[in-house]
Amino acid sequence: MKKLDEQYQVLEFPQKGDNRGQLVIVEGTMDVPFEIKRIFYMYGSDPEVVRGRSANRKSEFVLINVAGTSKIKVDNGEESKVIELNHPHMGVYIKTMVWKDMYDFSEDSVLLVLASEHYDKEEYIRDYDAFLKEINEQ
C-alpha cells in the first residue's frame, strides 16, 4: 500500500496583489496536476457537519477554502492526517482511493472543489468498510 504522504499534497497557489486586493490564479494541468472537468463548492455547513465521507476510484480533487476555514481528514486505510485549510491561496490535492472527510467549517466557509472527472456516482465509495475491503484487494 502507498504511504499516505504520497496520496495527497498541500498546494500553495501564487498570489498576485496590489493596492486593489489579492488575485489567486489556479490553472488546470499547471497549478493542479489534472485537467479540471468539474467544479463545485460547499457553503452553509455547520461546524458539526461532516461532508465527503467517501473515496473515489477515478476522480482526483483539489480542495480550496476560498473563504473561511475547514478541516480535511485524508485516510488511506492505514494512516490518516488532518489538514486545516485556512488561507484562500492554499489547497489540498487528493489522489484516487483516499477516504476524505471535510468538517469543522467556519460560519463563513466556502469550500471550492476542483475535480478531474465528471460526476459518476458509480465511482464513489461511500461506505468505509467497503473502502477498506477494496484497497486491501489491490
N, C-alpha and C. Protein backbone atom coordinates (compact mmCIF):
# COMPACT_ATOMS: atom_id res chain seq x y z
N MET A 1 0.83 -1.18 0.00
CA MET A 1 0.00 0.00 0.00
C MET A 1 0.88 1.25 0.00
N LYS A 2 0.44 2.27 -0.73
CA LYS A 2 1.19 3.52 -0.77
C LYS A 2 1.12 4.22 0.59
N LYS A 3 2.17 4.95 0.90
CA LYS A 3 2.17 5.77 2.11
C LYS A 3 1.22 6.94 1.89
N LEU A 4 0.55 7.36 2.94
CA LEU A 4 -0.42 8.44 2.85
C LEU A 4 0.21 9.72 2.30
N ASP A 5 1.44 10.02 2.69
CA ASP A 5 2.11 11.24 2.21
C ASP A 5 2.28 11.26 0.69
N GLU A 6 2.19 10.11 0.05
CA GLU A 6 2.26 10.02 -1.41
C GLU A 6 0.90 10.18 -2.07
N GLN A 7 -0.17 10.22 -1.28
CA GLN A 7 -1.52 10.22 -1.82
C GLN A 7 -2.23 11.57 -1.71
N TYR A 8 -1.59 12.52 -1.10
CA TYR A 8 -2.14 13.88 -1.05
C TYR A 8 -0.97 14.87 -1.02
N GLN A 9 -1.28 16.13 -1.31
CA GLN A 9 -0.25 17.16 -1.29
C GLN A 9 -0.90 18.50 -0.98
N VAL A 10 -0.31 19.24 -0.05
CA VAL A 10 -0.77 20.60 0.22
C VAL A 10 -0.17 21.51 -0.85
N LEU A 11 -1.02 22.33 -1.45
CA LEU A 11 -0.61 23.21 -2.54
C LEU A 11 -0.69 24.66 -2.10
N GLU A 12 0.24 25.47 -2.55
CA GLU A 12 0.20 26.92 -2.35
C GLU A 12 0.11 27.54 -3.74
N PHE A 13 -0.94 28.33 -3.96
CA PHE A 13 -1.15 28.96 -5.26
C PHE A 13 -0.55 30.36 -5.24
N PRO A 14 0.00 30.79 -6.40
CA PRO A 14 0.59 32.13 -6.45
C PRO A 14 -0.46 33.21 -6.22
N GLN A 15 -0.05 34.23 -5.47
CA GLN A 15 -0.92 35.38 -5.23
C GLN A 15 -0.36 36.57 -5.99
N LYS A 16 -1.22 37.25 -6.66
CA LYS A 16 -0.86 38.50 -7.33
C LYS A 16 -1.69 39.57 -6.66
N GLY A 17 -1.07 40.60 -6.20
CA GLY A 17 -1.84 41.61 -5.50
C GLY A 17 -1.22 42.98 -5.58
N ASP A 18 -2.04 43.95 -5.35
CA ASP A 18 -1.61 45.34 -5.26
C ASP A 18 -2.59 46.07 -4.35
N ASN A 19 -2.65 47.38 -4.44
CA ASN A 19 -3.50 48.15 -3.54
C ASN A 19 -4.99 47.89 -3.76
N ARG A 20 -5.35 47.17 -4.82
CA ARG A 20 -6.76 46.84 -5.09
C ARG A 20 -7.16 45.53 -4.41
N GLY A 21 -6.21 44.74 -3.95
CA GLY A 21 -6.51 43.47 -3.31
C GLY A 21 -5.69 42.34 -3.91
N GLN A 22 -6.07 41.12 -3.56
CA GLN A 22 -5.32 39.93 -3.99
C GLN A 22 -6.04 39.21 -5.12
N LEU A 23 -5.28 38.53 -5.94
CA LEU A 23 -5.79 37.71 -7.02
C LEU A 23 -5.04 36.38 -6.95
N VAL A 24 -5.79 35.28 -6.89
CA VAL A 24 -5.20 33.94 -6.88
C VAL A 24 -5.64 33.25 -8.16
N ILE A 25 -4.66 32.72 -8.90
CA ILE A 25 -4.94 32.06 -10.17
C ILE A 25 -4.65 30.57 -10.02
N VAL A 26 -5.60 29.73 -10.44
CA VAL A 26 -5.43 28.29 -10.39
C VAL A 26 -5.76 27.75 -11.78
N GLU A 27 -4.77 27.18 -12.46
CA GLU A 27 -4.98 26.67 -13.81
C GLU A 27 -4.79 25.15 -13.84
N GLY A 28 -5.72 24.48 -14.52
CA GLY A 28 -5.63 23.04 -14.69
C GLY A 28 -4.39 22.65 -15.46
N THR A 29 -3.79 21.56 -15.10
CA THR A 29 -2.56 20.98 -15.62
C THR A 29 -1.31 21.85 -15.37
N MET A 30 -1.51 23.00 -14.75
CA MET A 30 -0.36 23.83 -14.38
C MET A 30 -0.25 23.94 -12.85
N ASP A 31 -1.26 24.48 -12.22
CA ASP A 31 -1.26 24.64 -10.77
C ASP A 31 -1.87 23.44 -10.06
N VAL A 32 -2.70 22.70 -10.77
CA VAL A 32 -3.24 21.42 -10.28
C VAL A 32 -2.81 20.35 -11.28
N PRO A 33 -2.58 19.12 -10.82
CA PRO A 33 -1.98 18.10 -11.70
C PRO A 33 -2.98 17.36 -12.59
N PHE A 34 -4.06 18.03 -12.98
CA PHE A 34 -5.02 17.40 -13.88
C PHE A 34 -5.81 18.46 -14.62
N GLU A 35 -6.47 18.04 -15.68
CA GLU A 35 -7.40 18.91 -16.39
C GLU A 35 -8.68 18.98 -15.55
N ILE A 36 -9.14 20.17 -15.29
CA ILE A 36 -10.33 20.36 -14.46
C ILE A 36 -11.58 20.09 -15.30
N LYS A 37 -12.37 19.08 -14.88
CA LYS A 37 -13.59 18.73 -15.60
C LYS A 37 -14.86 19.09 -14.84
N ARG A 38 -14.72 19.35 -13.54
CA ARG A 38 -15.90 19.68 -12.74
C ARG A 38 -15.48 20.57 -11.59
N ILE A 39 -16.34 21.53 -11.27
CA ILE A 39 -16.11 22.44 -10.16
C ILE A 39 -17.40 22.49 -9.34
N PHE A 40 -17.26 22.37 -8.03
CA PHE A 40 -18.41 22.57 -7.16
C PHE A 40 -17.91 23.18 -5.86
N TYR A 41 -18.84 23.73 -5.08
CA TYR A 41 -18.44 24.30 -3.80
C TYR A 41 -19.51 24.08 -2.76
N MET A 42 -19.08 24.10 -1.51
CA MET A 42 -19.95 23.86 -0.36
C MET A 42 -19.92 25.09 0.53
N TYR A 43 -21.07 25.48 1.02
CA TYR A 43 -21.14 26.56 1.99
C TYR A 43 -22.38 26.36 2.84
N GLY A 44 -22.46 27.07 3.95
CA GLY A 44 -23.60 26.96 4.83
C GLY A 44 -23.60 25.71 5.70
N SER A 45 -22.46 25.04 5.82
CA SER A 45 -22.38 23.84 6.67
C SER A 45 -22.03 24.24 8.09
N ASP A 46 -22.72 23.67 9.03
CA ASP A 46 -22.42 23.90 10.45
C ASP A 46 -21.10 23.22 10.81
N PRO A 47 -20.44 23.71 11.88
CA PRO A 47 -19.17 23.11 12.28
C PRO A 47 -19.27 21.62 12.60
N GLU A 48 -20.43 21.14 13.06
CA GLU A 48 -20.58 19.73 13.42
C GLU A 48 -20.82 18.82 12.21
N VAL A 49 -21.14 19.39 11.08
CA VAL A 49 -21.46 18.61 9.88
C VAL A 49 -20.18 18.02 9.30
N VAL A 50 -20.24 16.76 8.87
CA VAL A 50 -19.12 16.12 8.17
C VAL A 50 -19.59 15.87 6.75
N ARG A 51 -18.85 16.43 5.79
CA ARG A 51 -19.16 16.24 4.38
C ARG A 51 -18.15 15.26 3.78
N GLY A 52 -18.40 14.85 2.57
CA GLY A 52 -17.50 13.92 1.90
C GLY A 52 -17.82 12.50 2.29
N ARG A 53 -17.10 12.01 3.30
CA ARG A 53 -17.25 10.63 3.75
C ARG A 53 -17.26 9.66 2.58
N SER A 54 -16.22 9.77 1.76
CA SER A 54 -16.16 8.94 0.56
C SER A 54 -14.73 8.85 0.05
N ALA A 55 -14.54 7.90 -0.87
CA ALA A 55 -13.31 7.77 -1.64
C ALA A 55 -13.75 7.62 -3.09
N ASN A 56 -12.84 7.86 -4.01
CA ASN A 56 -13.17 7.79 -5.44
C ASN A 56 -12.18 6.90 -6.17
N ARG A 57 -12.72 6.10 -7.07
CA ARG A 57 -11.89 5.19 -7.86
C ARG A 57 -11.17 5.92 -9.00
N LYS A 58 -11.80 6.94 -9.58
CA LYS A 58 -11.23 7.62 -10.75
C LYS A 58 -10.90 9.09 -10.52
N SER A 59 -11.69 9.76 -9.70
CA SER A 59 -11.55 11.21 -9.54
C SER A 59 -10.43 11.60 -8.59
N GLU A 60 -9.71 12.62 -8.99
CA GLU A 60 -8.76 13.32 -8.13
C GLU A 60 -9.38 14.67 -7.83
N PHE A 61 -9.00 15.26 -6.70
CA PHE A 61 -9.60 16.52 -6.28
C PHE A 61 -8.55 17.49 -5.77
N VAL A 62 -8.86 18.78 -5.92
CA VAL A 62 -8.16 19.83 -5.19
C VAL A 62 -9.23 20.60 -4.44
N LEU A 63 -9.05 20.74 -3.12
CA LEU A 63 -9.99 21.44 -2.26
C LEU A 63 -9.35 22.74 -1.80
N ILE A 64 -10.09 23.83 -1.91
CA ILE A 64 -9.60 25.16 -1.55
C ILE A 64 -10.68 25.88 -0.75
N ASN A 65 -10.36 26.33 0.44
CA ASN A 65 -11.31 27.17 1.17
C ASN A 65 -11.10 28.60 0.69
N VAL A 66 -11.94 29.04 -0.22
CA VAL A 66 -11.80 30.39 -0.77
C VAL A 66 -12.30 31.44 0.22
N ALA A 67 -13.07 31.03 1.20
CA ALA A 67 -13.49 31.90 2.31
C ALA A 67 -13.58 31.04 3.56
N GLY A 68 -13.25 31.62 4.70
CA GLY A 68 -13.35 30.88 5.95
C GLY A 68 -12.35 29.75 6.05
N THR A 69 -12.69 28.78 6.88
CA THR A 69 -11.79 27.66 7.15
C THR A 69 -12.57 26.36 7.23
N SER A 70 -11.86 25.27 7.05
CA SER A 70 -12.39 23.93 7.29
C SER A 70 -11.22 23.00 7.50
N LYS A 71 -11.54 21.78 7.90
CA LYS A 71 -10.51 20.75 8.06
C LYS A 71 -10.84 19.61 7.11
N ILE A 72 -9.78 18.99 6.59
CA ILE A 72 -9.90 17.85 5.70
C ILE A 72 -9.12 16.70 6.32
N LYS A 73 -9.81 15.59 6.54
CA LYS A 73 -9.12 14.38 7.03
C LYS A 73 -8.96 13.46 5.84
N VAL A 74 -7.72 13.08 5.55
CA VAL A 74 -7.43 12.11 4.50
C VAL A 74 -6.99 10.83 5.16
N ASP A 75 -7.39 9.70 4.56
CA ASP A 75 -7.20 8.40 5.19
C ASP A 75 -7.00 7.36 4.08
N ASN A 76 -5.95 6.58 4.18
CA ASN A 76 -5.72 5.53 3.18
C ASN A 76 -5.98 4.13 3.74
N GLY A 77 -6.62 4.05 4.87
CA GLY A 77 -6.92 2.76 5.48
C GLY A 77 -5.89 2.31 6.50
N GLU A 78 -4.71 2.88 6.45
CA GLU A 78 -3.66 2.57 7.42
C GLU A 78 -3.23 3.79 8.22
N GLU A 79 -3.27 4.95 7.57
CA GLU A 79 -2.86 6.20 8.20
C GLU A 79 -3.93 7.25 7.91
N SER A 80 -4.00 8.25 8.77
CA SER A 80 -4.85 9.40 8.48
C SER A 80 -4.14 10.67 8.92
N LYS A 81 -4.54 11.77 8.32
CA LYS A 81 -3.96 13.06 8.64
C LYS A 81 -5.03 14.12 8.45
N VAL A 82 -4.98 15.16 9.28
CA VAL A 82 -5.91 16.28 9.18
C VAL A 82 -5.16 17.50 8.66
N ILE A 83 -5.71 18.12 7.64
CA ILE A 83 -5.15 19.35 7.07
C ILE A 83 -6.15 20.45 7.30
N GLU A 84 -5.69 21.55 7.87
CA GLU A 84 -6.57 22.71 8.05
C GLU A 84 -6.39 23.64 6.86
N LEU A 85 -7.48 23.90 6.16
CA LEU A 85 -7.46 24.86 5.06
C LEU A 85 -7.89 26.21 5.63
N ASN A 86 -6.94 27.12 5.74
CA ASN A 86 -7.20 28.39 6.41
C ASN A 86 -6.66 29.60 5.66
N HIS A 87 -6.29 29.42 4.40
CA HIS A 87 -5.84 30.52 3.55
C HIS A 87 -6.46 30.33 2.17
N PRO A 88 -6.96 31.38 1.54
CA PRO A 88 -7.60 31.22 0.23
C PRO A 88 -6.63 30.90 -0.91
N HIS A 89 -5.33 30.93 -0.65
CA HIS A 89 -4.34 30.58 -1.66
C HIS A 89 -3.71 29.20 -1.39
N MET A 90 -4.38 28.42 -0.55
CA MET A 90 -3.88 27.11 -0.15
C MET A 90 -4.91 26.06 -0.52
N GLY A 91 -4.45 24.93 -0.99
CA GLY A 91 -5.36 23.84 -1.30
C GLY A 91 -4.73 22.51 -0.93
N VAL A 92 -5.55 21.47 -1.01
CA VAL A 92 -5.03 20.12 -0.81
C VAL A 92 -5.44 19.28 -2.02
N TYR A 93 -4.45 18.65 -2.62
CA TYR A 93 -4.65 17.75 -3.76
C TYR A 93 -4.80 16.34 -3.21
N ILE A 94 -5.88 15.66 -3.60
CA ILE A 94 -6.15 14.31 -3.10
C ILE A 94 -6.25 13.37 -4.29
N LYS A 95 -5.40 12.35 -4.28
CA LYS A 95 -5.40 11.36 -5.36
C LYS A 95 -6.57 10.39 -5.20
N THR A 96 -6.68 9.45 -6.12
CA THR A 96 -7.74 8.45 -6.08
C THR A 96 -7.55 7.51 -4.89
N MET A 97 -8.65 6.87 -4.49
CA MET A 97 -8.67 5.86 -3.44
C MET A 97 -8.12 6.37 -2.11
N VAL A 98 -8.48 7.60 -1.78
CA VAL A 98 -8.18 8.17 -0.47
C VAL A 98 -9.52 8.58 0.14
N TRP A 99 -9.81 8.10 1.33
CA TRP A 99 -11.04 8.47 2.03
C TRP A 99 -10.88 9.90 2.51
N LYS A 100 -11.94 10.70 2.36
CA LYS A 100 -11.86 12.09 2.78
C LYS A 100 -13.11 12.50 3.54
N ASP A 101 -12.88 13.23 4.62
CA ASP A 101 -13.94 13.85 5.42
C ASP A 101 -13.63 15.34 5.48
N MET A 102 -14.64 16.17 5.23
CA MET A 102 -14.50 17.61 5.37
C MET A 102 -15.39 18.03 6.53
N TYR A 103 -14.85 18.83 7.45
CA TYR A 103 -15.60 19.16 8.66
C TYR A 103 -15.04 20.42 9.32
N ASP A 104 -15.61 20.77 10.46
CA ASP A 104 -15.20 21.94 11.25
C ASP A 104 -15.22 23.20 10.39
N PHE A 105 -16.33 23.39 9.69
CA PHE A 105 -16.50 24.54 8.81
C PHE A 105 -16.75 25.80 9.64
N SER A 106 -16.04 26.87 9.33
CA SER A 106 -16.35 28.16 9.95
C SER A 106 -17.67 28.66 9.36
N GLU A 107 -18.28 29.61 10.04
CA GLU A 107 -19.58 30.13 9.60
C GLU A 107 -19.51 30.70 8.19
N ASP A 108 -18.37 31.29 7.83
CA ASP A 108 -18.21 31.92 6.51
C ASP A 108 -17.51 31.02 5.49
N SER A 109 -17.39 29.74 5.78
CA SER A 109 -16.64 28.81 4.92
C SER A 109 -17.29 28.62 3.55
N VAL A 110 -16.46 28.74 2.52
CA VAL A 110 -16.84 28.35 1.17
C VAL A 110 -15.70 27.43 0.69
N LEU A 111 -16.01 26.15 0.56
CA LEU A 111 -15.02 25.15 0.17
C LEU A 111 -15.20 24.83 -1.31
N LEU A 112 -14.26 25.26 -2.12
CA LEU A 112 -14.26 25.05 -3.56
C LEU A 112 -13.56 23.74 -3.87
N VAL A 113 -14.16 22.93 -4.76
CA VAL A 113 -13.58 21.64 -5.12
C VAL A 113 -13.40 21.58 -6.63
N LEU A 114 -12.19 21.27 -7.06
CA LEU A 114 -11.86 21.06 -8.46
C LEU A 114 -11.70 19.56 -8.66
N ALA A 115 -12.35 19.00 -9.67
CA ALA A 115 -12.33 17.56 -9.88
C ALA A 115 -11.78 17.22 -11.26
N SER A 116 -11.11 16.08 -11.32
CA SER A 116 -10.51 15.61 -12.58
C SER A 116 -11.51 14.90 -13.48
N GLU A 117 -12.67 14.55 -12.95
CA GLU A 117 -13.65 13.76 -13.71
C GLU A 117 -15.04 14.39 -13.57
N HIS A 118 -15.89 14.12 -14.55
CA HIS A 118 -17.29 14.47 -14.44
C HIS A 118 -17.93 13.55 -13.40
N TYR A 119 -19.04 13.98 -12.82
CA TYR A 119 -19.68 13.21 -11.77
C TYR A 119 -20.17 11.86 -12.29
N ASP A 120 -19.83 10.81 -11.54
CA ASP A 120 -20.29 9.46 -11.83
C ASP A 120 -20.48 8.78 -10.47
N LYS A 121 -21.72 8.62 -10.05
CA LYS A 121 -21.98 8.07 -8.72
C LYS A 121 -21.40 6.67 -8.53
N GLU A 122 -21.19 5.94 -9.63
CA GLU A 122 -20.67 4.57 -9.55
C GLU A 122 -19.20 4.51 -9.12
N GLU A 123 -18.47 5.61 -9.29
CA GLU A 123 -17.05 5.56 -8.92
C GLU A 123 -16.81 6.01 -7.47
N TYR A 124 -17.87 6.38 -6.79
CA TYR A 124 -17.77 6.77 -5.39
C TYR A 124 -17.90 5.54 -4.49
N ILE A 125 -17.09 5.50 -3.46
CA ILE A 125 -17.23 4.50 -2.40
C ILE A 125 -17.68 5.29 -1.17
N ARG A 126 -18.88 5.01 -0.68
CA ARG A 126 -19.46 5.80 0.41
C ARG A 126 -19.56 5.03 1.72
N ASP A 127 -19.06 3.81 1.74
CA ASP A 127 -19.05 3.01 2.95
C ASP A 127 -17.59 2.72 3.31
N TYR A 128 -17.18 3.11 4.51
CA TYR A 128 -15.78 2.99 4.89
C TYR A 128 -15.31 1.53 4.90
N ASP A 129 -16.14 0.61 5.37
CA ASP A 129 -15.75 -0.81 5.38
C ASP A 129 -15.57 -1.34 3.96
N ALA A 130 -16.43 -0.92 3.03
CA ALA A 130 -16.28 -1.32 1.63
C ALA A 130 -14.99 -0.74 1.04
N PHE A 131 -14.64 0.49 1.44
CA PHE A 131 -13.39 1.12 1.02
C PHE A 131 -12.20 0.29 1.49
N LEU A 132 -12.22 -0.08 2.77
CA LEU A 132 -11.11 -0.87 3.31
C LEU A 132 -10.98 -2.20 2.58
N LYS A 133 -12.08 -2.83 2.32
CA LYS A 133 -12.06 -4.11 1.61
C LYS A 133 -11.47 -3.94 0.20
N GLU A 134 -11.89 -2.90 -0.50
CA GLU A 134 -11.41 -2.69 -1.87
C GLU A 134 -9.92 -2.36 -1.92
N ILE A 135 -9.43 -1.53 -1.01
CA ILE A 135 -7.99 -1.21 -1.05
C ILE A 135 -7.13 -2.39 -0.62
N ASN A 136 -7.67 -3.25 0.23
CA ASN A 136 -6.92 -4.43 0.65
C ASN A 136 -6.87 -5.50 -0.43
N GLU A 137 -7.79 -5.43 -1.40
CA GLU A 137 -7.78 -6.37 -2.52
C GLU A 137 -6.85 -5.93 -3.64
N GLN A 138 -6.35 -4.69 -3.58
CA GLN A 138 -5.49 -4.19 -4.66
C GLN A 138 -4.10 -4.75 -4.57
